[in-house]
Amino acid sequence: MRKRWMVFAAMLTGCATQAPVANDDAATRAGQVGMREISGTLAEASRVTLADNESFLVPVEDDANALPAYPGELLSKALPPQAVCMHVAIGRDGTVMSSAPAVAPPECPGHDEVDAAFFASVQRVVAGWRYDPALRCVFPDAKTKDDTVGSCGGYTEVPEAVTLTYRFVFEQHDGRGSVRMGR
């Protein structure tokens, strides 16, 4: 299992306040930056509160997770950069359960502002993404939790379903499409 950084959030649902989320290689891969929203599955709205002896580890992306492709049919339009934000619901087993557009202007424009082919490209590729699942770590006491950083340290690991929010930017350079994750 790849190394994870611990999230200092007390809740797994909603837009949790947290430290920047990263692991040594997955966050820097493909230019991914910023904060991620951590929430329950798109279908669930229940909140989970961590006890004093619990911590949370974000899911770790598989290195084989590919970026979406720039829709070929849109290359001739020479569009300016297009941003697409997507909520990706990850199950307790690390598979993608569903995805849905995330709208929070101006960083995440809605369906009416971006060609649907961009959203479709993202949904097609994220459907096949894989993760090491998110984990709720249960320690014997709060001190043990505080002394164990970045892992469950051999104590109880409870897989959790979460939703991550990603921002993809589709761009054209010299008539060729490219996609990056980030700002």
N, C-alpha and C. Protein backbone atom coordinates (compact mmCIF):
# COMPACT_ATOMS: atom_id res chain seq x y z
N MET A 1 0.84 -1.17 0.00
CA MET A 1 0.00 0.00 0.00
C MET A 1 0.89 1.24 0.00
N ARG A 2 0.51 2.26 -0.78
CA ARG A 2 1.28 3.49 -0.85
C ARG A 2 1.12 4.32 0.41
N LYS A 3 2.09 5.17 0.70
CA LYS A 3 2.04 6.03 1.87
C LYS A 3 0.94 7.07 1.71
N ARG A 4 0.22 7.35 2.78
CA ARG A 4 -0.84 8.35 2.76
C ARG A 4 -0.52 9.43 3.78
N TRP A 5 -1.07 10.60 3.59
CA TRP A 5 -1.00 11.64 4.61
C TRP A 5 -2.33 11.64 5.31
N MET A 6 -2.33 11.90 6.58
CA MET A 6 -3.55 11.88 7.37
C MET A 6 -4.33 13.17 7.16
N VAL A 7 -5.63 13.04 7.09
CA VAL A 7 -6.52 14.18 6.97
C VAL A 7 -6.94 14.59 8.37
N PHE A 8 -6.86 15.86 8.66
CA PHE A 8 -7.23 16.36 9.97
C PHE A 8 -8.66 16.89 9.93
N ALA A 9 -9.58 16.01 9.56
CA ALA A 9 -10.98 16.38 9.47
C ALA A 9 -11.78 15.55 10.45
N ALA A 10 -12.82 16.15 10.98
CA ALA A 10 -13.64 15.42 11.94
C ALA A 10 -14.85 14.78 11.28
N MET A 11 -15.07 15.06 10.01
CA MET A 11 -16.26 14.52 9.35
C MET A 11 -15.88 13.96 8.00
N LEU A 12 -16.61 12.96 7.56
CA LEU A 12 -16.38 12.37 6.26
C LEU A 12 -17.38 12.84 5.23
N THR A 13 -18.36 13.61 5.61
CA THR A 13 -19.35 14.06 4.65
C THR A 13 -19.40 15.57 4.62
N GLY A 14 -20.02 16.08 3.57
CA GLY A 14 -20.10 17.52 3.41
C GLY A 14 -18.77 18.03 2.91
N CYS A 15 -18.59 19.32 2.89
CA CYS A 15 -17.33 19.91 2.47
C CYS A 15 -16.49 20.05 3.73
N ALA A 16 -15.68 19.08 4.00
CA ALA A 16 -14.92 19.03 5.25
C ALA A 16 -13.76 20.01 5.22
N THR A 17 -13.51 20.66 6.34
CA THR A 17 -12.33 21.48 6.47
C THR A 17 -11.18 20.54 6.75
N GLN A 18 -10.11 20.67 6.01
CA GLN A 18 -9.05 19.70 6.14
C GLN A 18 -7.72 20.29 5.74
N ALA A 19 -6.67 19.59 6.09
CA ALA A 19 -5.34 19.93 5.61
C ALA A 19 -5.27 19.52 4.15
N PRO A 20 -4.32 20.07 3.37
CA PRO A 20 -4.19 19.64 1.99
C PRO A 20 -4.03 18.12 1.93
N VAL A 21 -4.67 17.54 0.93
CA VAL A 21 -4.67 16.09 0.79
C VAL A 21 -3.65 15.70 -0.25
N ALA A 22 -2.81 14.74 0.08
CA ALA A 22 -1.81 14.29 -0.87
C ALA A 22 -1.23 12.98 -0.42
N ASN A 23 -0.60 12.30 -1.32
CA ASN A 23 0.32 11.25 -0.94
C ASN A 23 1.58 11.55 -1.72
N ASP A 24 2.62 10.83 -1.48
CA ASP A 24 3.90 11.20 -2.05
C ASP A 24 3.89 11.34 -3.56
N ASP A 25 3.13 10.49 -4.27
CA ASP A 25 3.20 10.55 -5.72
C ASP A 25 1.88 10.84 -6.40
N ALA A 26 0.77 10.45 -5.84
CA ALA A 26 -0.51 10.56 -6.55
C ALA A 26 -0.94 12.00 -6.75
N ALA A 27 -0.72 12.89 -5.78
CA ALA A 27 -1.19 14.26 -5.91
C ALA A 27 -0.37 15.04 -6.93
N THR A 28 0.90 14.73 -7.03
CA THR A 28 1.71 15.45 -7.99
C THR A 28 1.58 14.87 -9.38
N ARG A 29 1.13 13.63 -9.49
CA ARG A 29 0.94 12.99 -10.79
C ARG A 29 -0.09 13.79 -11.57
N ALA A 30 0.20 14.11 -12.77
CA ALA A 30 -0.72 14.80 -13.68
C ALA A 30 -1.10 16.18 -13.19
N GLY A 31 -0.31 16.79 -12.33
CA GLY A 31 -0.56 18.17 -11.94
C GLY A 31 -1.72 18.38 -11.00
N GLN A 32 -2.16 17.38 -10.31
CA GLN A 32 -3.29 17.54 -9.40
C GLN A 32 -2.86 18.41 -8.24
N VAL A 33 -3.67 19.39 -7.91
CA VAL A 33 -3.33 20.32 -6.83
C VAL A 33 -4.56 20.62 -6.00
N GLY A 34 -4.34 21.30 -4.90
CA GLY A 34 -5.43 21.88 -4.13
C GLY A 34 -6.04 20.96 -3.11
N MET A 35 -7.23 21.34 -2.67
CA MET A 35 -7.96 20.62 -1.65
C MET A 35 -8.98 19.72 -2.33
N ARG A 36 -9.37 18.71 -1.64
CA ARG A 36 -10.42 17.83 -2.13
C ARG A 36 -11.56 17.86 -1.14
N GLU A 37 -12.76 17.80 -1.67
CA GLU A 37 -13.92 17.67 -0.82
C GLU A 37 -14.05 16.22 -0.44
N ILE A 38 -14.32 15.95 0.80
CA ILE A 38 -14.51 14.58 1.26
C ILE A 38 -15.95 14.45 1.71
N SER A 39 -16.66 13.52 1.13
CA SER A 39 -18.05 13.34 1.51
C SER A 39 -18.46 11.90 1.32
N GLY A 40 -19.63 11.57 1.80
CA GLY A 40 -20.17 10.22 1.62
C GLY A 40 -20.49 9.99 0.17
N THR A 41 -21.02 8.84 -0.16
CA THR A 41 -21.35 8.56 -1.55
C THR A 41 -22.37 9.57 -2.04
N LEU A 42 -22.49 9.69 -3.34
CA LEU A 42 -23.45 10.63 -3.90
C LEU A 42 -24.87 10.27 -3.49
N ALA A 43 -25.11 9.01 -3.21
CA ALA A 43 -26.46 8.59 -2.83
C ALA A 43 -26.70 8.72 -1.32
N GLU A 44 -25.63 8.76 -0.53
CA GLU A 44 -25.78 8.84 0.92
C GLU A 44 -25.58 10.27 1.39
N ALA A 45 -26.27 10.64 2.45
CA ALA A 45 -26.10 11.97 3.01
C ALA A 45 -25.79 11.89 4.49
N SER A 46 -25.48 10.71 5.00
CA SER A 46 -25.21 10.56 6.42
C SER A 46 -23.83 11.10 6.75
N ARG A 47 -23.70 11.61 7.97
CA ARG A 47 -22.41 12.13 8.42
C ARG A 47 -21.79 11.17 9.40
N VAL A 48 -20.49 11.05 9.31
CA VAL A 48 -19.74 10.21 10.23
C VAL A 48 -18.81 11.13 11.01
N THR A 49 -18.88 11.07 12.30
CA THR A 49 -18.00 11.87 13.14
C THR A 49 -16.95 10.95 13.73
N LEU A 50 -15.70 11.37 13.67
CA LEU A 50 -14.61 10.56 14.20
C LEU A 50 -14.52 10.72 15.71
N ALA A 51 -14.28 9.62 16.40
CA ALA A 51 -14.08 9.64 17.84
C ALA A 51 -12.65 10.12 18.13
N ASP A 52 -12.35 10.42 19.37
CA ASP A 52 -11.02 10.88 19.76
C ASP A 52 -9.93 9.87 19.44
N ASN A 53 -10.28 8.60 19.37
CA ASN A 53 -9.29 7.56 19.09
C ASN A 53 -9.32 7.10 17.63
N GLU A 54 -9.89 7.92 16.73
CA GLU A 54 -9.99 7.57 15.32
C GLU A 54 -9.34 8.64 14.45
N SER A 55 -8.80 8.22 13.31
CA SER A 55 -8.31 9.14 12.29
C SER A 55 -8.83 8.67 10.94
N PHE A 56 -8.62 9.49 9.93
CA PHE A 56 -9.13 9.19 8.61
C PHE A 56 -8.01 9.31 7.59
N LEU A 57 -7.93 8.34 6.70
CA LEU A 57 -6.97 8.38 5.61
C LEU A 57 -7.74 8.41 4.29
N VAL A 58 -7.38 9.36 3.44
CA VAL A 58 -8.06 9.50 2.16
C VAL A 58 -7.74 8.32 1.25
N PRO A 59 -8.61 8.05 0.27
CA PRO A 59 -8.29 6.99 -0.68
C PRO A 59 -7.06 7.39 -1.50
N VAL A 60 -6.30 6.41 -1.92
CA VAL A 60 -5.11 6.65 -2.72
C VAL A 60 -5.39 6.18 -4.15
N GLU A 61 -5.19 7.11 -5.08
CA GLU A 61 -5.43 6.80 -6.49
C GLU A 61 -4.44 5.77 -7.00
N ASP A 62 -4.92 4.88 -7.84
CA ASP A 62 -4.05 3.94 -8.52
C ASP A 62 -3.24 4.72 -9.55
N ASP A 63 -1.97 4.42 -9.66
CA ASP A 63 -1.11 5.12 -10.63
C ASP A 63 -1.56 4.91 -12.07
N ALA A 64 -2.34 3.87 -12.32
CA ALA A 64 -2.81 3.58 -13.68
C ALA A 64 -4.06 4.38 -14.05
N ASN A 65 -4.63 5.15 -13.12
CA ASN A 65 -5.81 5.96 -13.45
C ASN A 65 -5.45 6.97 -14.53
N ALA A 66 -6.11 6.87 -15.67
CA ALA A 66 -5.81 7.74 -16.81
C ALA A 66 -6.61 9.03 -16.75
N LEU A 67 -6.09 10.05 -17.39
CA LEU A 67 -6.84 11.30 -17.55
C LEU A 67 -7.83 11.11 -18.70
N PRO A 68 -8.92 11.90 -18.70
CA PRO A 68 -9.85 11.82 -19.83
C PRO A 68 -9.18 12.35 -21.10
N ALA A 69 -9.77 12.04 -22.24
CA ALA A 69 -9.26 12.51 -23.53
C ALA A 69 -10.03 13.75 -23.97
N TYR A 70 -9.35 14.63 -24.67
CA TYR A 70 -10.02 15.79 -25.26
C TYR A 70 -10.93 15.25 -26.36
N PRO A 71 -12.21 15.60 -26.35
CA PRO A 71 -13.12 15.08 -27.39
C PRO A 71 -12.68 15.51 -28.79
N GLY A 72 -12.36 14.54 -29.62
CA GLY A 72 -11.85 14.82 -30.97
C GLY A 72 -12.78 15.67 -31.80
N GLU A 73 -14.09 15.47 -31.62
CA GLU A 73 -15.05 16.22 -32.43
C GLU A 73 -15.06 17.72 -32.10
N LEU A 74 -14.43 18.11 -30.99
CA LEU A 74 -14.41 19.53 -30.60
C LEU A 74 -13.10 20.23 -30.97
N LEU A 75 -12.12 19.49 -31.45
CA LEU A 75 -10.83 20.10 -31.79
C LEU A 75 -10.96 21.17 -32.87
N SER A 76 -11.80 20.95 -33.87
CA SER A 76 -11.94 21.92 -34.96
C SER A 76 -12.56 23.23 -34.52
N LYS A 77 -13.18 23.26 -33.35
CA LYS A 77 -13.82 24.48 -32.85
C LYS A 77 -12.84 25.45 -32.22
N ALA A 78 -11.61 25.01 -31.94
CA ALA A 78 -10.57 25.86 -31.33
C ALA A 78 -11.11 26.59 -30.10
N LEU A 79 -11.68 25.85 -29.20
CA LEU A 79 -12.28 26.42 -27.98
C LEU A 79 -11.21 26.90 -27.00
N PRO A 80 -11.55 27.92 -26.21
CA PRO A 80 -10.64 28.30 -25.13
C PRO A 80 -10.63 27.19 -24.07
N PRO A 81 -9.73 27.25 -23.10
CA PRO A 81 -9.71 26.20 -22.07
C PRO A 81 -11.08 26.03 -21.41
N GLN A 82 -11.44 24.77 -21.19
CA GLN A 82 -12.73 24.41 -20.60
C GLN A 82 -12.48 23.65 -19.31
N ALA A 83 -13.14 24.06 -18.22
CA ALA A 83 -12.99 23.37 -16.94
C ALA A 83 -14.22 22.52 -16.67
N VAL A 84 -13.98 21.31 -16.18
CA VAL A 84 -15.05 20.40 -15.80
C VAL A 84 -14.73 19.87 -14.42
N CYS A 85 -15.67 20.03 -13.50
CA CYS A 85 -15.49 19.49 -12.15
C CYS A 85 -16.44 18.32 -11.96
N MET A 86 -15.92 17.27 -11.31
CA MET A 86 -16.70 16.05 -11.18
C MET A 86 -16.56 15.50 -9.77
N HIS A 87 -17.71 15.14 -9.16
CA HIS A 87 -17.72 14.40 -7.91
C HIS A 87 -17.57 12.94 -8.28
N VAL A 88 -16.63 12.24 -7.65
CA VAL A 88 -16.40 10.82 -7.92
C VAL A 88 -16.63 10.06 -6.62
N ALA A 89 -17.69 9.24 -6.59
CA ALA A 89 -18.03 8.45 -5.41
C ALA A 89 -17.24 7.15 -5.43
N ILE A 90 -16.48 6.93 -4.36
CA ILE A 90 -15.61 5.76 -4.26
C ILE A 90 -16.14 4.85 -3.17
N GLY A 91 -16.35 3.59 -3.51
CA GLY A 91 -16.90 2.62 -2.57
C GLY A 91 -15.87 2.13 -1.56
N ARG A 92 -16.36 1.38 -0.62
CA ARG A 92 -15.50 0.83 0.43
C ARG A 92 -14.44 -0.13 -0.12
N ASP A 93 -14.66 -0.61 -1.33
CA ASP A 93 -13.68 -1.52 -1.94
C ASP A 93 -12.71 -0.79 -2.86
N GLY A 94 -12.82 0.53 -2.98
CA GLY A 94 -11.91 1.31 -3.80
C GLY A 94 -12.33 1.46 -5.25
N THR A 95 -13.52 0.95 -5.61
CA THR A 95 -14.00 1.13 -6.98
C THR A 95 -14.89 2.36 -7.06
N VAL A 96 -15.01 2.91 -8.25
CA VAL A 96 -15.87 4.07 -8.46
C VAL A 96 -17.30 3.58 -8.58
N MET A 97 -18.17 4.11 -7.70
CA MET A 97 -19.58 3.73 -7.70
C MET A 97 -20.38 4.60 -8.66
N SER A 98 -20.03 5.89 -8.72
CA SER A 98 -20.73 6.81 -9.61
C SER A 98 -19.94 8.10 -9.71
N SER A 99 -20.37 8.95 -10.65
CA SER A 99 -19.80 10.29 -10.77
C SER A 99 -20.89 11.23 -11.24
N ALA A 100 -20.73 12.49 -10.89
CA ALA A 100 -21.71 13.50 -11.27
C ALA A 100 -21.01 14.85 -11.34
N PRO A 101 -21.47 15.72 -12.25
CA PRO A 101 -20.86 17.04 -12.34
C PRO A 101 -20.95 17.80 -11.02
N ALA A 102 -19.90 18.54 -10.72
CA ALA A 102 -19.87 19.43 -9.56
C ALA A 102 -19.88 20.84 -10.09
N VAL A 103 -20.78 21.63 -9.61
CA VAL A 103 -20.92 22.99 -10.10
C VAL A 103 -20.71 23.98 -8.96
N ALA A 104 -19.69 24.82 -9.11
CA ALA A 104 -19.40 25.87 -8.14
C ALA A 104 -18.69 27.01 -8.86
N PRO A 105 -19.46 27.80 -9.64
CA PRO A 105 -18.83 28.86 -10.43
C PRO A 105 -17.95 29.76 -9.58
N PRO A 106 -16.91 30.38 -10.14
CA PRO A 106 -16.51 30.33 -11.54
C PRO A 106 -15.55 29.18 -11.84
N GLU A 107 -15.02 28.51 -10.82
CA GLU A 107 -14.04 27.45 -11.06
C GLU A 107 -14.66 26.21 -11.71
N CYS A 108 -15.93 25.96 -11.47
CA CYS A 108 -16.60 24.77 -12.00
C CYS A 108 -17.88 25.16 -12.71
N PRO A 109 -17.78 25.53 -13.98
CA PRO A 109 -18.98 25.95 -14.71
C PRO A 109 -19.98 24.81 -14.89
N GLY A 110 -21.23 25.17 -15.11
CA GLY A 110 -22.31 24.20 -15.25
C GLY A 110 -22.42 23.63 -16.65
N HIS A 111 -23.39 22.72 -16.82
CA HIS A 111 -23.62 22.04 -18.10
C HIS A 111 -23.88 23.02 -19.23
N ASP A 112 -24.59 24.10 -18.96
CA ASP A 112 -24.97 25.03 -20.02
C ASP A 112 -23.79 25.88 -20.49
N GLU A 113 -22.68 25.90 -19.73
CA GLU A 113 -21.52 26.70 -20.09
C GLU A 113 -20.42 25.90 -20.77
N VAL A 114 -20.47 24.58 -20.68
CA VAL A 114 -19.43 23.71 -21.21
C VAL A 114 -20.09 22.64 -22.07
N ASP A 115 -19.49 22.32 -23.19
CA ASP A 115 -20.03 21.29 -24.08
C ASP A 115 -20.15 19.97 -23.32
N ALA A 116 -21.27 19.30 -23.50
CA ALA A 116 -21.53 18.03 -22.81
C ALA A 116 -20.49 16.96 -23.13
N ALA A 117 -19.82 17.07 -24.26
CA ALA A 117 -18.80 16.08 -24.62
C ALA A 117 -17.65 16.07 -23.62
N PHE A 118 -17.34 17.22 -23.00
CA PHE A 118 -16.29 17.26 -21.99
C PHE A 118 -16.71 16.47 -20.74
N PHE A 119 -17.95 16.69 -20.29
CA PHE A 119 -18.46 15.95 -19.13
C PHE A 119 -18.48 14.45 -19.43
N ALA A 120 -18.92 14.07 -20.64
CA ALA A 120 -19.00 12.66 -21.02
C ALA A 120 -17.61 12.02 -21.03
N SER A 121 -16.61 12.75 -21.51
CA SER A 121 -15.24 12.24 -21.55
C SER A 121 -14.74 11.94 -20.14
N VAL A 122 -15.04 12.86 -19.20
CA VAL A 122 -14.61 12.65 -17.81
C VAL A 122 -15.34 11.46 -17.22
N GLN A 123 -16.66 11.39 -17.38
CA GLN A 123 -17.42 10.30 -16.78
C GLN A 123 -16.98 8.94 -17.31
N ARG A 124 -16.67 8.86 -18.60
CA ARG A 124 -16.22 7.58 -19.17
C ARG A 124 -14.93 7.10 -18.51
N VAL A 125 -13.97 7.98 -18.35
CA VAL A 125 -12.68 7.55 -17.82
C VAL A 125 -12.72 7.31 -16.31
N VAL A 126 -13.41 8.17 -15.54
CA VAL A 126 -13.40 7.97 -14.09
C VAL A 126 -14.17 6.72 -13.68
N ALA A 127 -15.06 6.25 -14.51
CA ALA A 127 -15.81 5.02 -14.20
C ALA A 127 -14.86 3.83 -14.00
N GLY A 128 -13.71 3.87 -14.63
CA GLY A 128 -12.76 2.77 -14.51
C GLY A 128 -11.63 3.01 -13.52
N TRP A 129 -11.63 4.15 -12.85
CA TRP A 129 -10.57 4.43 -11.89
C TRP A 129 -10.63 3.48 -10.70
N ARG A 130 -9.49 3.25 -10.09
CA ARG A 130 -9.37 2.40 -8.91
C ARG A 130 -8.58 3.13 -7.83
N TYR A 131 -8.85 2.76 -6.59
CA TYR A 131 -8.20 3.38 -5.43
C TYR A 131 -7.90 2.33 -4.37
N ASP A 132 -6.91 2.62 -3.53
CA ASP A 132 -6.85 1.96 -2.23
C ASP A 132 -7.93 2.70 -1.45
N PRO A 133 -8.86 2.01 -0.80
CA PRO A 133 -10.01 2.70 -0.21
C PRO A 133 -9.65 3.66 0.92
N ALA A 134 -10.56 4.60 1.17
CA ALA A 134 -10.43 5.49 2.33
C ALA A 134 -10.55 4.62 3.57
N LEU A 135 -9.84 5.00 4.63
CA LEU A 135 -9.86 4.20 5.85
C LEU A 135 -10.15 5.06 7.07
N ARG A 136 -10.99 4.54 7.93
CA ARG A 136 -11.15 5.10 9.28
C ARG A 136 -10.30 4.20 10.15
N CYS A 137 -9.29 4.79 10.79
CA CYS A 137 -8.38 4.03 11.66
C CYS A 137 -8.90 4.12 13.09
N VAL A 138 -9.02 2.97 13.74
CA VAL A 138 -9.50 2.93 15.13
C VAL A 138 -8.35 2.45 16.01
N PHE A 139 -7.93 3.33 16.91
CA PHE A 139 -6.82 3.07 17.81
C PHE A 139 -7.34 2.75 19.21
N PRO A 140 -6.52 2.12 20.07
CA PRO A 140 -6.97 1.80 21.42
C PRO A 140 -7.29 3.05 22.25
N ASP A 141 -6.59 4.17 21.94
CA ASP A 141 -6.82 5.41 22.69
C ASP A 141 -6.32 6.60 21.87
N ALA A 142 -6.63 7.82 22.34
CA ALA A 142 -6.26 9.04 21.62
C ALA A 142 -4.74 9.22 21.55
N LYS A 143 -4.01 8.85 22.57
CA LYS A 143 -2.55 9.00 22.56
C LYS A 143 -1.94 8.13 21.47
N THR A 144 -2.39 6.89 21.37
CA THR A 144 -1.88 6.00 20.31
C THR A 144 -2.16 6.61 18.95
N LYS A 145 -3.35 7.16 18.78
CA LYS A 145 -3.70 7.83 17.51
C LYS A 145 -2.73 8.97 17.24
N ASP A 146 -2.48 9.81 18.24
CA ASP A 146 -1.60 10.95 18.07
C ASP A 146 -0.16 10.53 17.74
N ASP A 147 0.26 9.37 18.24
CA ASP A 147 1.61 8.88 18.00
C ASP A 147 1.74 8.15 16.67
N THR A 148 0.63 7.88 15.98
CA THR A 148 0.63 7.14 14.72
C THR A 148 0.22 8.10 13.61
N VAL A 149 1.17 8.48 12.76
CA VAL A 149 0.91 9.47 11.73
C VAL A 149 0.99 8.83 10.34
N GLY A 150 -0.01 9.08 9.52
CA GLY A 150 0.01 8.66 8.13
C GLY A 150 -0.35 7.23 7.84
N SER A 151 -0.79 6.49 8.86
CA SER A 151 -1.21 5.11 8.64
C SER A 151 -2.11 4.69 9.80
N CYS A 152 -2.62 3.48 9.71
CA CYS A 152 -3.40 2.92 10.82
C CYS A 152 -2.49 2.18 11.80
N GLY A 153 -1.22 2.09 11.49
CA GLY A 153 -0.23 1.52 12.39
C GLY A 153 -0.51 0.10 12.85
N GLY A 154 -1.21 -0.68 12.04
CA GLY A 154 -1.52 -2.05 12.41
C GLY A 154 -2.78 -2.19 13.26
N TYR A 155 -3.42 -1.07 13.57
CA TYR A 155 -4.66 -1.13 14.34
C TYR A 155 -5.84 -1.30 13.38
N THR A 156 -7.04 -1.24 13.86
CA THR A 156 -8.23 -1.53 13.07
C THR A 156 -8.40 -0.55 11.91
N GLU A 157 -8.56 -1.10 10.71
CA GLU A 157 -8.82 -0.31 9.50
C GLU A 157 -10.24 -0.58 9.04
N VAL A 158 -11.06 0.48 8.99
CA VAL A 158 -12.45 0.35 8.54
C VAL A 158 -12.58 1.09 7.21
N PRO A 159 -12.76 0.37 6.09
CA PRO A 159 -12.94 1.04 4.80
C PRO A 159 -14.19 1.92 4.82
N GLU A 160 -14.09 3.10 4.20
CA GLU A 160 -15.20 4.05 4.15
C GLU A 160 -15.46 4.46 2.70
N ALA A 161 -16.72 4.66 2.37
CA ALA A 161 -17.10 5.22 1.07
C ALA A 161 -17.01 6.73 1.17
N VAL A 162 -16.43 7.36 0.16
CA VAL A 162 -16.27 8.81 0.14
C VAL A 162 -16.51 9.34 -1.27
N THR A 163 -16.62 10.65 -1.38
CA THR A 163 -16.68 11.31 -2.67
C THR A 163 -15.55 12.33 -2.74
N LEU A 164 -14.78 12.27 -3.81
CA LEU A 164 -13.73 13.26 -4.06
C LEU A 164 -14.19 14.15 -5.20
N THR A 165 -13.77 15.40 -5.18
CA THR A 165 -14.10 16.33 -6.25
C THR A 165 -12.83 16.64 -7.03
N TYR A 166 -12.91 16.48 -8.33
CA TYR A 166 -11.78 16.74 -9.22
C TYR A 166 -12.13 17.86 -10.18
N ARG A 167 -11.11 18.59 -10.62
CA ARG A 167 -11.26 19.63 -11.63
C ARG A 167 -10.33 19.29 -12.79
N PHE A 168 -10.90 19.14 -13.97
CA PHE A 168 -10.14 18.82 -15.18
C PHE A 168 -10.18 20.05 -16.09
N VAL A 169 -9.06 20.39 -16.68
CA VAL A 169 -8.99 21.50 -17.62
C VAL A 169 -8.62 20.94 -18.98
N PHE A 170 -9.51 21.16 -19.95
CA PHE A 170 -9.32 20.73 -21.33
C PHE A 170 -8.77 21.93 -22.11
N GLU A 171 -7.64 21.73 -22.79
CA GLU A 171 -7.00 22.82 -23.52
C GLU A 171 -6.55 22.34 -24.90
N GLN A 172 -6.33 23.32 -25.78
CA GLN A 172 -5.79 23.03 -27.10
C GLN A 172 -4.50 23.82 -27.28
N HIS A 173 -3.52 23.15 -27.87
CA HIS A 173 -2.24 23.78 -28.21
C HIS A 173 -1.86 23.30 -29.60
N ASP A 174 -1.73 24.23 -30.51
CA ASP A 174 -1.36 23.88 -31.89
C ASP A 174 -2.27 22.81 -32.48
N GLY A 175 -3.58 22.92 -32.22
CA GLY A 175 -4.57 22.00 -32.79
C GLY A 175 -4.64 20.64 -32.11
N ARG A 176 -3.90 20.47 -31.02
CA ARG A 176 -3.92 19.19 -30.30
C ARG A 176 -4.54 19.41 -28.94
N GLY A 177 -5.40 18.50 -28.54
CA GLY A 177 -6.07 18.60 -27.24
C GLY A 177 -5.23 18.00 -26.13
N SER A 178 -5.35 18.61 -24.96
CA SER A 178 -4.69 18.06 -23.78
C SER A 178 -5.61 18.27 -22.59
N VAL A 179 -5.39 17.47 -21.55
CA VAL A 179 -6.21 17.54 -20.35
C VAL A 179 -5.27 17.48 -19.15
N ARG A 180 -5.54 18.34 -18.18
CA ARG A 180 -4.77 18.31 -16.95
C ARG A 180 -5.74 18.45 -15.77
N MET A 181 -5.28 18.02 -14.63
CA MET A 181 -6.07 18.22 -13.41
C MET A 181 -5.41 19.35 -12.66
N GLY A 182 -6.24 20.21 -12.09
CA GLY A 182 -5.65 21.29 -11.31
C GLY A 182 -6.44 22.56 -11.39
N ARG A 183 -5.73 23.64 -11.28
CA ARG A 183 -6.32 24.98 -11.16
C ARG A 183 -7.15 25.40 -12.32
